[in-house]
Amino acid sequence: MLTRLRAGLGLAVAQLRHYRVRTVLVVVAVALAVLSTTLLASVSVGVVAAGTETLDAANRDVWVSGGATRITASGVENAIVDSHAVAAEIRDREDVRNAAPIAYQTVYVGTDPDDLRTIVGVGIPGGGGSTVAITEGRSFEGPDVHYAGGNYTGPMTHEVVVSPRVAAQLNASVGDSLYVGGSVAAARENEFEVVGASPTFSRFLGTPTVFLLLSELQEVTGTTGTDRAAQVIVTVEDGVDPAAVAASLQRDYPEYDVRTNREQLQSVLRGQALVLASAAVLVVLAVLAGLALTVNVLALLVHHQRRAFAALKAGGVSAWTLGWVVVWQAVLVAVLGAALGLALTPAGAWALNLLAERLVGFSDLVRTPRWVYLLGGGLAVGIGLVGAVVAAWRTAAVEPLSALRG
C-alpha cells in the first residue's frame, strides 16, 4: 500500500511538472477561491466587531429613535420633536440614570469662511465626555447653557469637537477656529474654537463629523423651533436589565423605535442586508468558480494523459495505482492553492483596511481571526477532494484499447 502511494505521488509530481501551465492555472484558481473567501469572511467579522465596539463606546444601553435618519434636500431629517422634553421624561424614570438627545444635521464647515465644505454635524448635550470618547483635547465643559430651559437665550460656548478625519481634511487642531453653520451665510457668522477630537460618531455614521452642543447646533441650523433630534440614548441604573427598560419605554412611546445596544446593531446590519448578501454571493461564486476550474483542469489533465494511462493499464498497472496518481495531483494543487491564498490573506486584509480607512474612515475593519484561515484551508481541501473524485472516476473509465487506437 505504501509503495503504491509513493509511486502515485511520484507520478503525480512528474505529471504536474510536465503540464506546468495547467498546473499554475488550477493552483491560482484554488488560491483565488480561498483568498476571496477569507477576505470576505474577514470583512464580515470586522463589520460586526466594529459595530459592536462603536455602540459600546457610546456607553449607552438603550436607543430611542424616531425611525430611520434620512438625508433630505434641506439636511438630515430628525424625527423626534421636543427632544429635550422627551429626554427629561425618560431621565425621570427610576430605572434610568441618564438620557441624552442626539441630533444630526448637515453643516458647512471650514477654517476659512470663503472655503467651506459640507460635513455632518452632531449635536450632543452638555457634559459631552460621557457621550463621546475624546482622543485629543477635551469635550464640552459644563451644561448646555444656551438651551436656557427651552428659550435658547443663553450664551453660546462656540466650542466644537471634530473627528480625526475632519481634523486631517481641514488641517485643524485643538485651539484653531472653525466656521460652522447650516448655510454658508450662517457659517460665516459663527466662529467656533476646536477644543477636542473624537472618532465616536464618525465611526458610527461612517462619515467625517463635527460635534456641537445640541442647542448650538440647532441654533446655527435654524431648528430651535421644533427642538428635533434623531435619537435619545439612555443609560440604565446599575443592575437594571436594559431589555426590560427598552420594553417599558416601547410601551410608553409607541411612536418611536426603542432598541437595546444589540438590537441597534442588528438593525444596522439589517439595513446593510443587501451588501452582506452580495458579499455572500461573491463567496459562493468564488467557491464554485474555483471548484469548477479545478475539476475541469484535472479532468483535462486526465484526458491528455489517457494514452499514458492506457499504456500503463495495458502493462498491468492497476486502476487503483492510476487513481492514486490523479488523487495526489488534486491534493497537491489544493495544498499549493491553499498555501498561496492563505499567504496572500494578510496583505489583502491590509490593503482593504487601508482602502476602507481612506473611503469611510473605519480603521481595522478587516479582521482575520484564526478560524478564517481554517475556513480557507477547509475550502481548499473540499475543492481538492471533489476534484480528486472526479479525476479518479475519469481515470477509471479509460479503456486501454480504444485510447491506444485513438
Protein backbone atom coordinates (compact mmCIF):
# COMPACT_ATOMS: atom_id res chain seq x y z
CA MET A 1 0.00 0.00 0.00
CA LEU A 2 2.75 2.47 0.96
CA THR A 3 4.66 1.57 -2.18
CA ARG A 4 1.56 2.28 -4.26
CA LEU A 5 1.07 5.65 -2.53
CA ARG A 6 4.71 6.64 -3.07
CA ALA A 7 4.57 5.59 -6.71
CA GLY A 8 1.37 7.55 -7.22
CA LEU A 9 2.91 10.61 -5.61
CA GLY A 10 5.99 10.42 -7.80
CA LEU A 11 3.95 10.08 -10.99
CA ALA A 12 1.64 12.91 -9.89
CA VAL A 13 4.56 15.29 -9.30
CA ALA A 14 6.04 14.37 -12.68
CA GLN A 15 2.75 14.96 -14.48
CA LEU A 16 2.17 18.32 -12.78
CA ARG A 17 5.66 19.43 -13.76
CA HIS A 18 5.05 18.35 -17.34
CA TYR A 19 1.79 20.32 -17.59
CA ARG A 20 3.13 23.47 -15.92
CA VAL A 21 0.67 25.97 -17.42
CA ARG A 22 -2.38 23.94 -16.46
CA THR A 23 -0.93 23.31 -13.00
CA VAL A 24 -0.36 27.02 -12.41
CA LEU A 25 -3.86 27.77 -13.68
CA VAL A 26 -5.58 25.41 -11.27
CA VAL A 27 -3.37 26.48 -8.33
CA VAL A 28 -4.28 30.13 -8.99
CA ALA A 29 -7.96 29.20 -9.22
CA VAL A 30 -7.87 27.50 -5.82
CA ALA A 31 -5.86 30.39 -4.35
CA LEU A 32 -8.38 32.99 -5.59
CA ALA A 33 -11.27 30.98 -4.17
CA VAL A 34 -9.50 30.74 -0.81
CA LEU A 35 -8.44 34.41 -0.81
CA SER A 36 -11.88 35.75 -1.69
CA THR A 37 -13.45 33.58 1.00
CA THR A 38 -11.01 34.60 3.73
CA LEU A 39 -11.17 38.32 2.88
CA LEU A 40 -14.96 38.50 2.64
CA ALA A 41 -15.29 36.50 5.86
CA SER A 42 -12.80 38.88 7.48
CA VAL A 43 -14.85 41.89 6.34
CA SER A 44 -17.99 40.37 7.86
CA VAL A 45 -16.17 39.73 11.14
CA GLY A 46 -14.79 43.27 11.15
CA VAL A 47 -18.13 44.91 10.39
CA VAL A 48 -19.85 43.15 13.29
CA ALA A 49 -16.93 43.76 15.66
CA ALA A 50 -16.61 47.44 14.68
CA GLY A 51 -20.35 47.97 15.08
CA THR A 52 -20.33 46.35 18.50
CA GLU A 53 -17.31 48.34 19.66
CA THR A 54 -18.76 51.60 18.37
CA LEU A 55 -22.07 51.11 20.13
CA ASP A 56 -20.29 50.02 23.32
CA ALA A 57 -18.06 53.11 23.11
CA ALA A 58 -21.17 55.29 23.16
CA ASN A 59 -21.65 53.99 26.73
CA ARG A 60 -25.41 53.66 26.35
CA ASP A 61 -27.79 50.77 27.00
CA VAL A 62 -30.96 51.74 25.10
CA TRP A 63 -31.53 53.71 21.90
CA VAL A 64 -34.79 55.57 21.33
CA SER A 65 -35.12 56.57 17.67
CA GLY A 66 -37.75 58.35 15.63
CA GLY A 67 -37.25 55.99 12.73
CA ALA A 68 -34.56 55.98 10.08
CA THR A 69 -32.32 59.04 9.90
CA ARG A 70 -32.66 60.26 6.31
CA ILE A 71 -30.79 62.91 4.37
CA THR A 72 -33.20 65.27 2.62
CA ALA A 73 -32.71 68.31 0.38
CA SER A 74 -32.74 70.55 3.45
CA GLY A 75 -30.41 68.41 5.55
CA VAL A 76 -30.76 65.43 7.88
CA GLU A 77 -34.28 64.60 8.98
CA ASN A 78 -34.51 64.20 12.77
CA ALA A 79 -37.85 62.67 13.72
CA ILE A 80 -38.05 63.22 17.50
CA VAL A 81 -39.77 66.55 18.22
CA ASP A 82 -39.25 68.37 21.58
CA SER A 83 -36.27 66.10 22.15
CA HIS A 84 -35.12 67.83 25.35
CA ALA A 85 -38.54 67.25 26.91
CA VAL A 86 -38.64 63.62 25.78
CA ALA A 87 -35.17 63.04 27.24
CA ALA A 88 -36.18 64.73 30.51
CA GLU A 89 -39.23 62.46 30.81
CA ILE A 90 -37.13 59.37 30.28
CA ARG A 91 -34.46 60.65 32.67
CA ASP A 92 -37.05 60.97 35.45
CA ARG A 93 -37.69 57.22 35.45
CA GLU A 94 -36.34 55.33 38.46
CA ASP A 95 -34.58 52.71 36.33
CA VAL A 96 -32.81 55.29 34.14
CA ARG A 97 -29.56 57.04 35.09
CA ASN A 98 -29.30 59.36 32.10
CA ALA A 99 -30.97 60.14 28.78
CA ALA A 100 -29.37 62.36 26.15
CA PRO A 101 -30.87 63.62 22.88
CA ILE A 102 -28.62 63.40 19.81
CA ALA A 103 -29.24 65.31 16.56
CA TYR A 104 -27.58 65.10 13.15
CA GLN A 105 -27.51 67.95 10.65
CA THR A 106 -25.58 68.71 7.51
CA VAL A 107 -23.49 71.80 8.13
CA TYR A 108 -20.98 73.93 6.29
CA VAL A 109 -17.55 73.82 7.93
CA GLY A 110 -14.18 75.39 7.18
CA THR A 111 -11.18 77.16 8.63
CA ASP A 112 -11.72 79.90 6.04
CA PRO A 113 -15.20 81.49 5.77
CA ASP A 114 -14.74 81.62 1.99
CA ASP A 115 -13.77 77.95 1.71
CA LEU A 116 -16.47 75.78 3.29
CA ARG A 117 -17.40 72.15 2.80
CA THR A 118 -20.43 70.08 3.78
CA ILE A 119 -19.95 67.79 6.80
CA VAL A 120 -22.32 66.03 9.20
CA GLY A 121 -22.78 67.94 12.44
CA VAL A 122 -23.70 66.02 15.60
CA GLY A 123 -25.50 67.79 18.43
CA ILE A 124 -24.86 66.35 21.89
CA PRO A 125 -25.89 67.56 25.35
CA GLY A 126 -23.64 69.25 27.88
CA GLY A 127 -21.07 67.13 29.66
CA GLY A 128 -20.22 65.54 26.31
CA GLY A 129 -17.40 63.50 27.77
CA SER A 130 -19.97 60.90 28.78
CA THR A 131 -21.30 60.74 25.22
CA VAL A 132 -18.17 60.74 23.07
CA ALA A 133 -14.67 59.33 23.54
CA ILE A 134 -12.08 62.11 23.42
CA THR A 135 -8.71 61.24 21.86
CA GLU A 136 -7.22 64.74 21.93
CA GLY A 137 -8.03 67.90 23.89
CA ARG A 138 -11.25 67.83 25.87
CA SER A 139 -15.01 67.64 25.48
CA PHE A 140 -17.52 70.34 26.35
CA GLU A 141 -17.32 71.65 29.89
CA GLY A 142 -20.47 72.26 31.89
CA PRO A 143 -24.13 72.11 30.83
CA ASP A 144 -25.70 73.31 27.60
CA VAL A 145 -26.35 76.82 28.88
CA HIS A 146 -27.59 78.17 25.55
CA TYR A 147 -30.70 75.96 25.77
CA ALA A 148 -31.84 78.02 28.80
CA GLY A 149 -34.78 75.78 29.63
CA GLY A 150 -36.08 75.86 26.08
CA ASN A 151 -35.71 79.58 25.35
CA TYR A 152 -32.39 79.33 23.52
CA THR A 153 -31.38 82.66 25.00
CA GLY A 154 -28.31 81.64 26.99
CA PRO A 155 -24.74 82.40 25.87
CA MET A 156 -23.18 80.11 23.29
CA THR A 157 -19.85 78.50 24.12
CA HIS A 158 -18.81 78.46 20.45
CA GLU A 159 -16.83 75.27 21.06
CA VAL A 160 -16.57 72.37 18.62
CA VAL A 161 -15.13 68.86 18.76
CA VAL A 162 -14.01 67.37 15.46
CA SER A 163 -13.45 63.84 14.21
CA PRO A 164 -9.89 62.91 13.20
CA ARG A 165 -10.93 62.85 9.54
CA VAL A 166 -12.19 66.43 9.72
CA ALA A 167 -9.01 67.49 11.51
CA ALA A 168 -6.95 65.93 8.72
CA GLN A 169 -9.10 67.28 5.89
CA LEU A 170 -9.15 70.85 7.22
CA ASN A 171 -5.70 70.74 8.82
CA ALA A 172 -7.35 71.85 12.05
CA SER A 173 -6.09 71.09 15.55
CA VAL A 174 -7.05 71.99 19.11
CA GLY A 175 -7.10 75.77 19.50
CA ASP A 176 -7.88 76.51 15.84
CA SER A 177 -11.06 78.21 14.65
CA LEU A 178 -13.78 76.67 12.51
CA TYR A 179 -16.74 78.37 10.87
CA VAL A 180 -19.87 76.23 11.25
CA GLY A 181 -23.46 76.80 10.12
CA GLY A 182 -26.46 75.28 8.41
CA SER A 183 -25.90 77.60 5.45
CA VAL A 184 -22.90 79.42 4.01
CA ALA A 185 -24.16 82.71 5.46
CA ALA A 186 -24.75 81.17 8.89
CA ALA A 187 -21.30 79.55 8.89
CA ARG A 188 -19.59 82.83 8.12
CA GLU A 189 -21.31 84.40 11.12
CA ASN A 190 -20.48 81.61 13.62
CA GLU A 191 -16.86 81.03 14.54
CA PHE A 192 -16.12 78.08 16.86
CA GLU A 193 -12.97 77.04 18.69
CA VAL A 194 -11.75 73.46 18.28
CA VAL A 195 -11.44 72.07 21.83
CA GLY A 196 -11.01 68.36 21.15
CA ALA A 197 -11.10 65.42 18.76
CA SER A 198 -13.30 62.32 18.89
CA PRO A 199 -13.88 59.45 16.43
CA THR A 200 -17.06 58.22 18.16
CA PHE A 201 -19.86 59.22 15.80
CA SER A 202 -17.59 59.35 12.77
CA ARG A 203 -17.23 55.57 13.19
CA PHE A 204 -20.92 55.15 13.89
CA LEU A 205 -22.03 57.16 10.84
CA GLY A 206 -19.10 56.25 8.62
CA THR A 207 -18.51 59.89 7.65
CA PRO A 208 -16.48 62.90 8.88
CA THR A 209 -18.28 64.71 11.72
CA VAL A 210 -18.11 67.77 13.94
CA PHE A 211 -19.69 67.91 17.41
CA LEU A 212 -21.52 70.89 18.84
CA LEU A 213 -23.66 71.27 21.90
CA LEU A 214 -27.16 70.28 20.82
CA SER A 215 -28.80 73.70 21.27
CA GLU A 216 -25.92 75.41 19.46
CA LEU A 217 -26.22 73.02 16.51
CA GLN A 218 -29.95 73.73 16.46
CA GLU A 219 -29.22 77.47 16.60
CA VAL A 220 -26.80 77.56 13.68
CA THR A 221 -29.04 75.31 11.57
CA GLY A 222 -32.31 77.11 12.37
CA THR A 223 -34.08 74.17 14.05
CA THR A 224 -34.65 75.60 17.53
CA GLY A 225 -38.39 75.94 16.96
CA THR A 226 -39.08 72.21 16.87
CA ASP A 227 -36.15 71.01 19.02
CA ARG A 228 -35.66 67.96 16.83
CA ALA A 229 -33.30 65.06 17.48
CA ALA A 230 -32.65 61.74 15.77
CA GLN A 231 -32.17 59.68 18.92
CA VAL A 232 -32.31 59.70 22.67
CA ILE A 233 -29.62 57.44 24.07
CA VAL A 234 -30.33 56.01 27.51
CA THR A 235 -28.14 54.65 30.30
CA VAL A 236 -29.90 52.45 32.84
CA GLU A 237 -29.12 52.18 36.54
CA ASP A 238 -26.68 49.54 37.73
CA GLY A 239 -28.23 46.11 37.97
CA VAL A 240 -31.19 47.02 35.74
CA ASP A 241 -31.88 44.89 32.66
CA PRO A 242 -31.66 47.11 29.52
CA ALA A 243 -34.07 44.83 27.68
CA ALA A 244 -36.73 45.36 30.37
CA VAL A 245 -36.24 49.14 30.21
CA ALA A 246 -36.43 49.06 26.42
CA ALA A 247 -39.69 47.09 26.53
CA SER A 248 -41.16 49.52 29.05
CA LEU A 249 -40.12 52.56 27.00
CA GLN A 250 -41.56 51.00 23.86
CA ARG A 251 -44.94 50.70 25.60
CA ASP A 252 -44.77 54.31 26.81
CA TYR A 253 -43.51 55.70 23.49
CA PRO A 254 -45.11 53.56 20.77
CA GLU A 255 -44.40 56.21 18.13
CA TYR A 256 -40.65 55.62 18.50
CA ASP A 257 -38.35 52.66 17.89
CA VAL A 258 -36.72 51.51 21.14
CA ARG A 259 -33.78 49.11 20.94
CA THR A 260 -31.05 47.77 23.17
CA ASN A 261 -27.42 48.05 22.06
CA ARG A 262 -27.54 44.58 20.48
CA GLU A 263 -30.84 45.27 18.75
CA GLN A 264 -29.46 48.57 17.44
CA LEU A 265 -26.52 46.71 15.90
CA GLN A 266 -28.86 44.12 14.40
CA SER A 267 -30.93 46.95 12.92
CA VAL A 268 -27.84 48.46 11.32
CA LEU A 269 -26.83 45.08 9.89
CA ARG A 270 -30.35 44.54 8.53
CA GLY A 271 -30.06 47.89 6.82
CA GLN A 272 -26.93 46.55 5.12
CA ALA A 273 -28.52 43.21 4.26
CA LEU A 274 -28.08 43.78 0.52
CA VAL A 275 -24.36 44.46 0.94
CA LEU A 276 -23.89 41.41 3.18
CA ALA A 277 -25.92 39.24 0.81
CA SER A 278 -23.82 40.45 -2.12
CA ALA A 279 -20.66 39.50 -0.21
CA ALA A 280 -22.09 36.05 0.49
CA VAL A 281 -22.97 35.61 -3.19
CA LEU A 282 -19.42 36.60 -4.16
CA VAL A 283 -18.05 33.98 -1.77
CA VAL A 284 -20.31 31.29 -3.24
CA LEU A 285 -19.40 32.30 -6.79
CA ALA A 286 -15.70 32.27 -5.93
CA VAL A 287 -16.01 28.80 -4.41
CA LEU A 288 -18.00 27.46 -7.37
CA ALA A 289 -15.59 29.04 -9.86
CA GLY A 290 -12.60 27.55 -8.06
CA LEU A 291 -14.29 24.17 -7.84
CA ALA A 292 -15.38 24.19 -11.49
CA LEU A 293 -11.96 25.26 -12.75
CA THR A 294 -10.18 22.71 -10.56
CA VAL A 295 -12.43 19.85 -11.68
CA ASN A 296 -12.22 20.86 -15.34
CA VAL A 297 -8.44 21.23 -15.34
CA LEU A 298 -7.95 17.91 -13.53
CA ALA A 299 -10.33 16.24 -15.97
CA LEU A 300 -8.38 17.84 -18.80
CA LEU A 301 -5.13 16.50 -17.33
CA VAL A 302 -6.65 13.03 -17.27
CA HIS A 303 -7.81 13.44 -20.86
CA HIS A 304 -4.34 14.44 -22.03
CA GLN A 305 -2.82 11.54 -20.10
CA ARG A 306 -5.30 8.95 -21.31
CA ARG A 307 -2.86 7.31 -23.72
CA ALA A 308 -0.20 7.11 -20.99
CA PHE A 309 -2.76 5.72 -18.54
CA ALA A 310 -4.00 3.27 -21.16
CA ALA A 311 -0.46 2.06 -21.78
CA LEU A 312 0.14 1.66 -18.05
CA LYS A 313 -3.14 -0.24 -17.70
CA ALA A 314 -2.24 -2.46 -20.61
CA GLY A 315 1.13 -3.09 -18.96
CA GLY A 316 -0.51 -4.35 -15.80
CA VAL A 317 -0.65 -1.22 -13.63
CA SER A 318 -3.83 -1.38 -11.59
CA ALA A 319 -6.62 1.21 -11.81
CA TRP A 320 -6.08 1.84 -8.08
CA THR A 321 -2.50 2.97 -8.66
CA LEU A 322 -3.55 5.26 -11.50
CA GLY A 323 -6.36 6.55 -9.30
CA TRP A 324 -3.83 7.47 -6.64
CA VAL A 325 -1.88 9.43 -9.26
CA VAL A 326 -4.78 11.77 -10.00
CA VAL A 327 -5.78 11.91 -6.33
CA TRP A 328 -2.27 13.07 -5.49
CA GLN A 329 -2.48 15.64 -8.29
CA ALA A 330 -5.69 17.06 -6.82
CA VAL A 331 -4.27 17.08 -3.30
CA LEU A 332 -1.06 18.81 -4.40
CA VAL A 333 -2.81 21.58 -6.34
CA ALA A 334 -5.26 22.08 -3.45
CA VAL A 335 -2.40 22.37 -0.94
CA LEU A 336 -0.44 24.75 -3.17
CA GLY A 337 -3.54 26.84 -3.85
CA ALA A 338 -4.44 26.97 -0.17
CA ALA A 339 -0.89 27.96 0.79
CA LEU A 340 -0.87 30.76 -1.80
CA GLY A 341 -4.35 32.03 -0.87
CA LEU A 342 -3.65 31.99 2.87
CA ALA A 343 -0.24 33.62 2.37
CA LEU A 344 -1.90 36.47 0.43
CA THR A 345 -4.66 36.96 3.02
CA PRO A 346 -2.71 39.26 5.41
CA ALA A 347 -1.59 41.50 2.53
CA GLY A 348 -5.12 41.58 1.13
CA ALA A 349 -6.55 42.44 4.56
CA TRP A 350 -4.00 45.24 4.95
CA ALA A 351 -4.90 46.67 1.53
CA LEU A 352 -8.64 46.52 2.24
CA ASN A 353 -8.15 48.16 5.64
CA LEU A 354 -6.18 50.98 4.02
CA LEU A 355 -8.90 51.44 1.39
CA ALA A 356 -11.71 51.37 3.98
CA GLU A 357 -9.95 53.94 6.15
CA ARG A 358 -9.49 56.31 3.23
CA LEU A 359 -13.02 55.90 1.89
CA VAL A 360 -15.18 55.67 5.02
CA GLY A 361 -12.84 56.43 7.90
CA PHE A 362 -13.00 52.98 9.50
CA SER A 363 -9.67 51.56 10.61
CA ASP A 364 -9.10 47.88 11.35
CA LEU A 365 -12.34 46.98 9.60
CA VAL A 366 -10.97 43.77 8.05
CA ARG A 367 -10.05 41.29 10.77
CA THR A 368 -8.61 37.82 10.31
CA PRO A 369 -9.15 35.58 13.33
CA ARG A 370 -7.69 32.07 13.25
CA TRP A 371 -10.94 30.44 12.19
CA VAL A 372 -10.89 32.47 8.95
CA TYR A 373 -7.65 30.73 7.95
CA LEU A 374 -9.14 27.38 8.93
CA LEU A 375 -12.15 28.19 6.75
CA GLY A 376 -9.90 28.93 3.77
CA GLY A 377 -7.86 25.77 4.31
CA GLY A 378 -11.00 23.68 4.67
CA LEU A 379 -12.36 25.13 1.45
CA ALA A 380 -9.20 24.15 -0.42
CA VAL A 381 -9.42 20.62 0.99
CA GLY A 382 -13.04 20.37 -0.16
CA ILE A 383 -12.17 21.57 -3.65
CA GLY A 384 -9.28 19.11 -3.79
CA LEU A 385 -11.42 16.18 -2.67
CA VAL A 386 -14.16 16.88 -5.22
CA GLY A 387 -11.56 17.30 -7.94
CA ALA A 388 -9.87 14.07 -6.89
CA VAL A 389 -13.11 12.09 -7.03
CA VAL A 390 -13.98 13.38 -10.49
CA ALA A 391 -10.47 12.87 -11.84
CA ALA A 392 -10.22 9.35 -10.37
CA TRP A 393 -13.56 8.43 -11.90
CA ARG A 394 -12.40 9.70 -15.30
CA THR A 395 -9.19 7.71 -14.93
CA ALA A 396 -11.03 4.50 -14.07
CA ALA A 397 -13.17 4.96 -17.17
CA VAL A 398 -10.16 4.94 -19.53
CA GLU A 399 -10.32 1.92 -21.87
CA PRO A 400 -6.77 0.83 -22.90
CA LEU A 401 -7.61 -0.46 -26.38
CA SER A 402 -9.78 2.46 -27.51
CA ALA A 403 -7.37 5.02 -26.04
CA LEU A 404 -4.31 3.47 -27.71
CA ARG A 405 -6.11 3.17 -31.05
CA GLY A 406 -7.13 6.86 -30.84
